[in-house]
C-alpha atoms as a PDB file:
ATOM      1  CA  MET A   1      -0.212   0.117  -0.008  1.00  0.00           C
ATOM      2  CA  ALA A   2       1.502   3.756  -0.872  1.00  0.00           C
ATOM      3  CA  PHE A   3       1.330   6.313   1.511  1.00  0.00           C
ATOM      4  CA  ALA A   4       1.653  10.156   0.378  1.00  0.00           C
ATOM      5  CA  GLN A   5       2.357  12.936   2.364  1.00  0.00           C
ATOM      6  CA  VAL A   6      -1.210  13.295   3.137  1.00  0.00           C
ATOM      7  CA  ASP A   7      -1.434   9.846   5.205  1.00  0.00           C
ATOM      8  CA  ILE A   8       1.504  10.506   7.413  1.00  0.00           C
ATOM      9  CA  CYS A   9       0.338  13.948   8.141  1.00  0.00           C
ATOM     10  CA  ASN A  10      -3.225  12.517   9.179  1.00  0.00           C
ATOM     11  CA  LEU A  11      -1.288   9.959  11.331  1.00  0.00           C
ATOM     12  CA  ALA A  12       0.351  13.037  12.879  1.00  0.00           C
ATOM     13  CA  LEU A  13      -2.997  14.853  13.445  1.00  0.00           C
ATOM     14  CA  GLN A  14      -4.297  11.583  14.990  1.00  0.00           C
ATOM     15  CA  LEU A  15      -1.946  11.630  17.241  1.00  0.00           C
ATOM     16  CA  LEU A  16      -2.307  15.061  18.359  1.00  0.00           C
ATOM     17  CA  GLY A  17      -6.257  14.376  18.475  1.00  0.00           C
ATOM     18  CA  GLU A  18      -6.863  16.872  15.374  1.00  0.00           C
ATOM     19  CA  GLU A  19      -9.068  15.922  12.811  1.00  0.00           C
ATOM     20  CA  THR A  20      -7.804  14.471   9.397  1.00  0.00           C
ATOM     21  CA  ILE A  21      -6.986  16.197   6.188  1.00  0.00           C
ATOM     22  CA  GLY A  22      -8.017  15.563   2.801  1.00  0.00           C
ATOM     23  CA  SER A  23      -5.190  17.590   1.073  1.00  0.00           C
ATOM     24  CA  ILE A  24      -1.992  19.238   2.187  1.00  0.00           C
ATOM     25  CA  GLU A  25      -3.038  22.674   0.942  1.00  0.00           C
ATOM     26  CA  GLU A  26      -6.553  22.880   3.527  1.00  0.00           C
ATOM     27  CA  LYS A  27      -6.394  25.733   6.258  1.00  0.00           C
ATOM     28  CA  PRO A  28      -4.796  25.359   8.587  1.00  0.00           C
ATOM     29  CA  ARG A  29      -3.797  21.983   9.620  1.00  0.00           C
ATOM     30  CA  GLY A  30      -2.923  20.892   5.830  1.00  0.00           C
ATOM     31  CA  GLU A  31      -0.645  24.202   5.601  1.00  0.00           C
ATOM     32  CA  VAL A  32       1.175  23.083   9.288  1.00  0.00           C
ATOM     33  CA  CYS A  33       2.235  20.011   8.240  1.00  0.00           C
ATOM     34  CA  ALA A  34       3.489  21.285   4.821  1.00  0.00           C
ATOM     35  CA  VAL A  35       5.817  23.453   6.941  1.00  0.00           C
ATOM     36  CA  PHE A  36       7.150  20.390   8.727  1.00  0.00           C
ATOM     37  CA  TYR A  37       7.420  17.633   6.338  1.00  0.00           C
ATOM     38  CA  ASP A  38      10.156  17.641   4.574  1.00  0.00           C
ATOM     39  CA  HIS A  39      12.327  18.912   7.344  1.00  0.00           C
ATOM     40  CA  THR A  40      11.145  16.004   9.569  1.00  0.00           C
ATOM     41  CA  VAL A  41      11.189  13.413   6.837  1.00  0.00           C
ATOM     42  CA  GLU A  42      15.360  14.201   6.883  1.00  0.00           C
ATOM     43  CA  GLU A  43      15.582  14.806  10.332  1.00  0.00           C
ATOM     44  CA  VAL A  44      14.373  11.285  11.167  1.00  0.00           C
ATOM     45  CA  LEU A  45      15.443   9.464   8.173  1.00  0.00           C
ATOM     46  CA  ARG A  46      18.913  10.821   9.753  1.00  0.00           C
ATOM     47  CA  LEU A  47      18.437  10.128  13.196  1.00  0.00           C
ATOM     48  CA  HIS A  48      18.540   6.231  12.396  1.00  0.00           C
ATOM     49  CA  ASP A  49      19.913   3.794   9.822  1.00  0.00           C
ATOM     50  CA  TRP A  50      16.567   2.181   8.969  1.00  0.00           C
ATOM     51  CA  ASN A  51      16.729  -1.061   6.633  1.00  0.00           C
ATOM     52  CA  CYS A  52      14.321   0.692   3.463  1.00  0.00           C
ATOM     53  CA  ALA A  53      16.285   3.657   3.314  1.00  0.00           C
ATOM     54  CA  ARG A  54      19.671   1.886   3.143  1.00  0.00           C
ATOM     55  CA  ALA A  55      21.934   1.789  -0.340  1.00  0.00           C
ATOM     56  CA  ARG A  56      25.466   1.108  -0.693  1.00  0.00           C
ATOM     57  CA  ALA A  57      27.969   2.750  -3.499  1.00  0.00           C
ATOM     58  CA  GLU A  58      31.597   2.119  -4.836  1.00  0.00           C
ATOM     59  CA  LEU A  59      33.091   5.673  -4.984  1.00  0.00           C
ATOM     60  CA  ALA A  60      36.147   6.636  -6.769  1.00  0.00           C
ATOM     61  CA  PRO A  61      38.552   9.197  -5.616  1.00  0.00           C
ATOM     62  CA  LEU A  62      38.534  12.224  -6.750  1.00  0.00           C
ATOM     63  CA  VAL A  63      40.890  14.750  -8.612  1.00  0.00           C
ATOM     64  CA  GLU A  64      41.162  17.106  -6.377  1.00  0.00           C
ATOM     65  CA  THR A  65      42.976  15.699  -2.818  1.00  0.00           C
ATOM     66  CA  PRO A  66      42.858  17.406   0.648  1.00  0.00           C
ATOM     67  CA  ALA A  67      44.978  20.282   1.280  1.00  0.00           C
ATOM     68  CA  MET A  68      46.318  18.440   4.268  1.00  0.00           C
ATOM     69  CA  GLU A  69      46.096  15.425   6.745  1.00  0.00           C
ATOM     70  CA  TRP A  70      43.760  13.307   4.377  1.00  0.00           C
ATOM     71  CA  GLU A  71      44.951  11.793   0.865  1.00  0.00           C
ATOM     72  CA  TYR A  72      41.556  11.225  -1.158  1.00  0.00           C
ATOM     73  CA  TYR A  73      38.353  12.944  -1.323  1.00  0.00           C
ATOM     74  CA  TYR A  74      35.173  11.064  -2.589  1.00  0.00           C
ATOM     75  CA  GLN A  75      32.300  12.648  -3.522  1.00  0.00           C
ATOM     76  CA  LEU A  76      28.840  11.854  -1.468  1.00  0.00           C
ATOM     77  CA  PRO A  77      26.238  10.025  -3.889  1.00  0.00           C
ATOM     78  CA  VAL A  78      23.252  12.195  -4.491  1.00  0.00           C
ATOM     79  CA  GLY A  79      20.391  11.984  -1.634  1.00  0.00           C
ATOM     80  CA  CYS A  80      23.228  11.133   0.734  1.00  0.00           C
ATOM     81  CA  LEU A  81      21.460  12.107   3.927  1.00  0.00           C
ATOM     82  CA  ALA A  82      23.588  10.324   6.179  1.00  0.00           C
ATOM     83  CA  ILE A  83      26.664   8.329   6.101  1.00  0.00           C
ATOM     84  CA  ARG A  84      26.443   4.666   7.519  1.00  0.00           C
ATOM     85  CA  ALA A  85      29.618   2.857   6.819  1.00  0.00           C
ATOM     86  CA  VAL A  86      32.874   3.312   4.686  1.00  0.00           C
ATOM     87  CA  GLN A  87      34.253  -0.232   3.960  1.00  0.00           C
ATOM     88  CA  ASP A  88      36.471  -2.005   1.606  1.00  0.00           C
ATOM     89  CA  ALA A  89      35.615  -4.191  -0.841  1.00  0.00           C
ATOM     90  CA  GLY A  90      35.065  -6.904   1.961  1.00  0.00           C
ATOM     91  CA  GLY A  91      32.677  -5.277   3.471  1.00  0.00           C
ATOM     92  CA  SER A  92      34.949  -4.582   6.317  1.00  0.00           C
ATOM     93  CA  ALA A  93      34.736  -1.605   8.683  1.00  0.00           C
ATOM     94  CA  GLY A  94      37.888   0.472   9.861  1.00  0.00           C
ATOM     95  CA  TYR A  95      39.121   3.308   7.546  1.00  0.00           C
ATOM     96  CA  ALA A  96      39.526   6.524   9.617  1.00  0.00           C
ATOM     97  CA  TRP A  97      37.572   9.169   7.407  1.00  0.00           C
ATOM     98  CA  GLU A  98      35.887  12.262   8.031  1.00  0.00           C
ATOM     99  CA  ARG A  99      32.909  14.148   6.093  1.00  0.00           C
ATOM    100  CA  GLU A 100      33.548  17.932   4.998  1.00  0.00           C
ATOM    101  CA  GLY A 101      30.769  19.070   2.883  1.00  0.00           C
ATOM    102  CA  SER A 102      29.263  16.450   0.355  1.00  0.00           C
ATOM    103  CA  ARG A 103      32.900  14.892   0.625  1.00  0.00           C
ATOM    104  CA  ILE A 104      34.503  12.094   2.421  1.00  0.00           C
ATOM    105  CA  ALA A 105      37.865  12.466   3.241  1.00  0.00           C
ATOM    106  CA  THR A 106      40.210   9.515   3.801  1.00  0.00           C
ATOM    107  CA  ASN A 107      43.210   7.862   3.394  1.00  0.00           C
ATOM    108  CA  ALA A 108      42.012   5.179   1.859  1.00  0.00           C
ATOM    109  CA  ALA A 109      42.337   4.399  -2.061  1.00  0.00           C
ATOM    110  CA  GLU A 110      39.212   2.432  -2.840  1.00  0.00           C
ATOM    111  CA  ILE A 111      35.961   2.880  -0.840  1.00  0.00           C
ATOM    112  CA  PHE A 112      32.400   1.468  -0.321  1.00  0.00           C
ATOM    113  CA  LEU A 113      29.580   3.530   0.998  1.00  0.00           C
ATOM    114  CA  VAL A 114      26.712   2.704   3.284  1.00  0.00           C
ATOM    115  CA  TYR A 115      24.525   5.538   3.755  1.00  0.00           C
ATOM    116  CA  THR A 116      21.028   6.711   3.806  1.00  0.00           C
ATOM    117  CA  THR A 117      18.899   8.185   1.585  1.00  0.00           C
ATOM    118  CA  THR A 118      14.754   9.005   0.886  1.00  0.00           C
ATOM    119  CA  PRO A 119      13.275   5.409  -0.110  1.00  0.00           C
ATOM    120  CA  LEU A 120      10.953   5.803  -3.104  1.00  0.00           C
ATOM    121  CA  VAL A 121       8.404   3.622  -0.316  1.00  0.00           C
ATOM    122  CA  PHE A 122       8.832   4.388   3.825  1.00  0.00           C
ATOM    123  CA  ASP A 123       8.183   0.889   5.887  1.00  0.00           C
ATOM    124  CA  SER A 124       5.517   1.570   8.113  1.00  0.00           C
ATOM    125  CA  THR A 125       7.561   2.078  11.614  1.00  0.00           C
ATOM    126  CA  LEU A 126       9.428   4.755   9.491  1.00  0.00           C
ATOM    127  CA  ARG A 127       6.340   6.200   8.782  1.00  0.00           C
ATOM    128  CA  SER A 128       4.879   6.332  12.230  1.00  0.00           C
ATOM    129  CA  ALA A 129       8.073   7.585  13.742  1.00  0.00           C
ATOM    130  CA  ILE A 130       7.691  10.645  10.788  1.00  0.00           C
ATOM    131  CA  ALA A 131       4.125  11.133  12.090  1.00  0.00           C
ATOM    132  CA  ALA A 132       5.017  10.918  15.522  1.00  0.00           C
ATOM    133  CA  ARG A 133       8.099  13.472  15.148  1.00  0.00           C
ATOM    134  CA  LEU A 134       5.949  15.644  13.147  1.00  0.00           C
ATOM    135  CA  ALA A 135       3.133  15.802  15.556  1.00  0.00           C
ATOM    136  CA  TRP A 136       5.193  17.086  17.996  1.00  0.00           C
ATOM    137  CA  TYR A 137       6.052  19.836  15.503  1.00  0.00           C
ATOM    138  CA  MET A 138       2.843  20.834  14.836  1.00  0.00           C
ATOM    139  CA  ALA A 139       0.953  20.329  18.440  1.00  0.00           C
ATOM    140  CA  TYR A 140       1.660  24.015  20.122  1.00  0.00           C
ATOM    141  CA  LYS A 141       1.076  25.354  16.715  1.00  0.00           C
ATOM    142  CA  LEU A 142      -2.612  23.423  16.192  1.00  0.00           C
ATOM    143  CA  THR A 143      -3.342  23.109  20.062  1.00  0.00           C
ATOM    144  CA  GLN A 144      -1.463  26.010  21.760  1.00  0.00           C
ATOM    145  CA  SER A 145      -0.994  23.040  24.425  1.00  0.00           C
ATOM    146  CA  ARG A 146       2.820  22.326  25.650  1.00  0.00           C
ATOM    147  CA  ALA A 147       1.487  19.989  27.655  1.00  0.00           C
ATOM    148  CA  VAL A 148       0.081  18.401  24.579  1.00  0.00           C
ATOM    149  CA  GLN A 149       3.664  19.062  22.475  1.00  0.00           C
ATOM    150  CA  LYS A 150       5.249  17.257  25.678  1.00  0.00           C
ATOM    151  CA  ASP A 151       3.085  14.214  25.150  1.00  0.00           C
ATOM    152  CA  ALA A 152       3.746  14.329  21.482  1.00  0.00           C
ATOM    153  CA  LEU A 153       7.781  14.333  22.268  1.00  0.00           C
ATOM    154  CA  THR A 154       7.126  11.474  24.785  1.00  0.00           C
ATOM    155  CA  GLN A 155       5.086   9.721  21.974  1.00  0.00           C
ATOM    156  CA  PHE A 156       8.015  10.404  19.804  1.00  0.00           C
ATOM    157  CA  GLY A 157      10.428   8.144  21.867  1.00  0.00           C
ATOM    158  CA  ILE A 158       8.102   5.574  22.222  1.00  0.00           C
ATOM    159  CA  ILE A 159       7.371   5.101  18.384  1.00  0.00           C
ATOM    160  CA  MET A 160      11.316   5.031  17.588  1.00  0.00           C
ATOM    161  CA  ALA A 161      12.194   2.876  20.172  1.00  0.00           C
ATOM    162  CA  GLY A 162      10.208   0.481  19.092  1.00  0.00           C
ATOM    163  CA  ALA A 163      10.737   0.582  15.425  1.00  0.00           C
ATOM    164  CA  GLU A 164      14.903   0.819  16.081  1.00  0.00           C
ATOM    165  CA  GLY A 165      13.839  -2.768  17.122  1.00  0.00           C
ATOM    166  CA  ALA A 166      11.868  -3.904  14.827  1.00  0.00           C
ATOM    167  CA  ASP A 167      14.357  -2.611  12.046  1.00  0.00           C
ATOM    168  CA  ALA A 168      17.458  -3.592  13.577  1.00  0.00           C
ATOM    169  CA  ALA A 169      15.557  -7.516  14.026  1.00  0.00           C
ATOM    170  CA  GLU A 170      15.550  -7.706  10.117  1.00  0.00           C
ATOM    171  CA  GLY A 171      19.084  -9.063   9.689  1.00  0.00           C
ATOM    172  CA  LEU A 172      21.758 -10.927  10.900  1.00  0.00           C
ATOM    173  CA  ARG A 173      25.337  -9.887  11.292  1.00  0.00           C
ATOM    174  CA  ASP A 174      27.191 -12.437  12.223  1.00  0.00           C
ATOM    175  CA  ILE A 175      25.891 -16.030  14.038  1.00  0.00           C
ATOM    176  CA  GLN A 176      27.302 -18.582  15.504  1.00  0.00           C
ATOM    177  CA  MET A 177      26.535 -22.340  14.063  1.00  0.00           C
ATOM    178  CA  ASP A 178      27.670 -25.431  16.449  1.00  0.00           C
ATOM    179  CA  GLY A 179      29.984 -23.341  17.821  1.00  0.00           C
ATOM    180  CA  VAL A 180      31.587 -21.973  14.286  1.00  0.00           C
ATOM    181  CA  SER A 181      31.081 -18.174  13.246  1.00  0.00           C
ATOM    182  CA  ALA A 182      29.628 -18.025  10.104  1.00  0.00           C
ATOM    183  CA  ASP A 183      30.632 -14.453   8.445  1.00  0.00           C
ATOM    184  CA  LYS A 184      28.255 -11.835   7.907  1.00  0.00           C
ATOM    185  CA  SER A 185      27.976 -13.210   3.855  1.00  0.00           C
ATOM    186  CA  TRP A 186      24.843 -16.303   5.507  1.00  0.00           C
ATOM    187  CA  SER A 187      22.615 -12.859   5.934  1.00  0.00           C
ATOM    188  CA  HIS A 188      20.645 -10.436   3.293  1.00  0.00           C
ATOM    189  CA  ARG A 189      22.255  -7.246   5.040  1.00  0.00           C
ATOM    190  CA  SER A 190      25.504  -7.933   3.763  1.00  0.00           C
END
């Protein structure tokens, strides 16, 4: 089932006890939602390494090099919201690196990036987390109540904890079989 911006806004409005909207242009609730929506989506995507928003890329070094400290620059992929891992070809992390604007600076001559991007489809836990955070942003503007706003923040924390747990349960990095460790190639999250 595809969910649109208005659907997530309606989840947020319901968390606040507000009437739902048919369109994001509806005054005042739809307009308030529109003000906070894009920021909230990006913020929530950056807060957790969501499975549905994970992407991978092999990066090539740029011709330009850092002035000092690092040997290489790599351009981040378009749409990269958060870097989750910088790895070698075998998937091992361990390179020293830092983000400098839209680039990665490192001494590694070859890197593979695991990062967060905006997915085409949000899974149910991500939708719930976005709606709860959106409810917090909209709470005071719509209700004029700091108590409702505080409750919305508490609800966001509860929803995020559950969402992170459910998301983390969808994959195994390392497993033990008869006392022998199997590497991550046994998992769909390699």
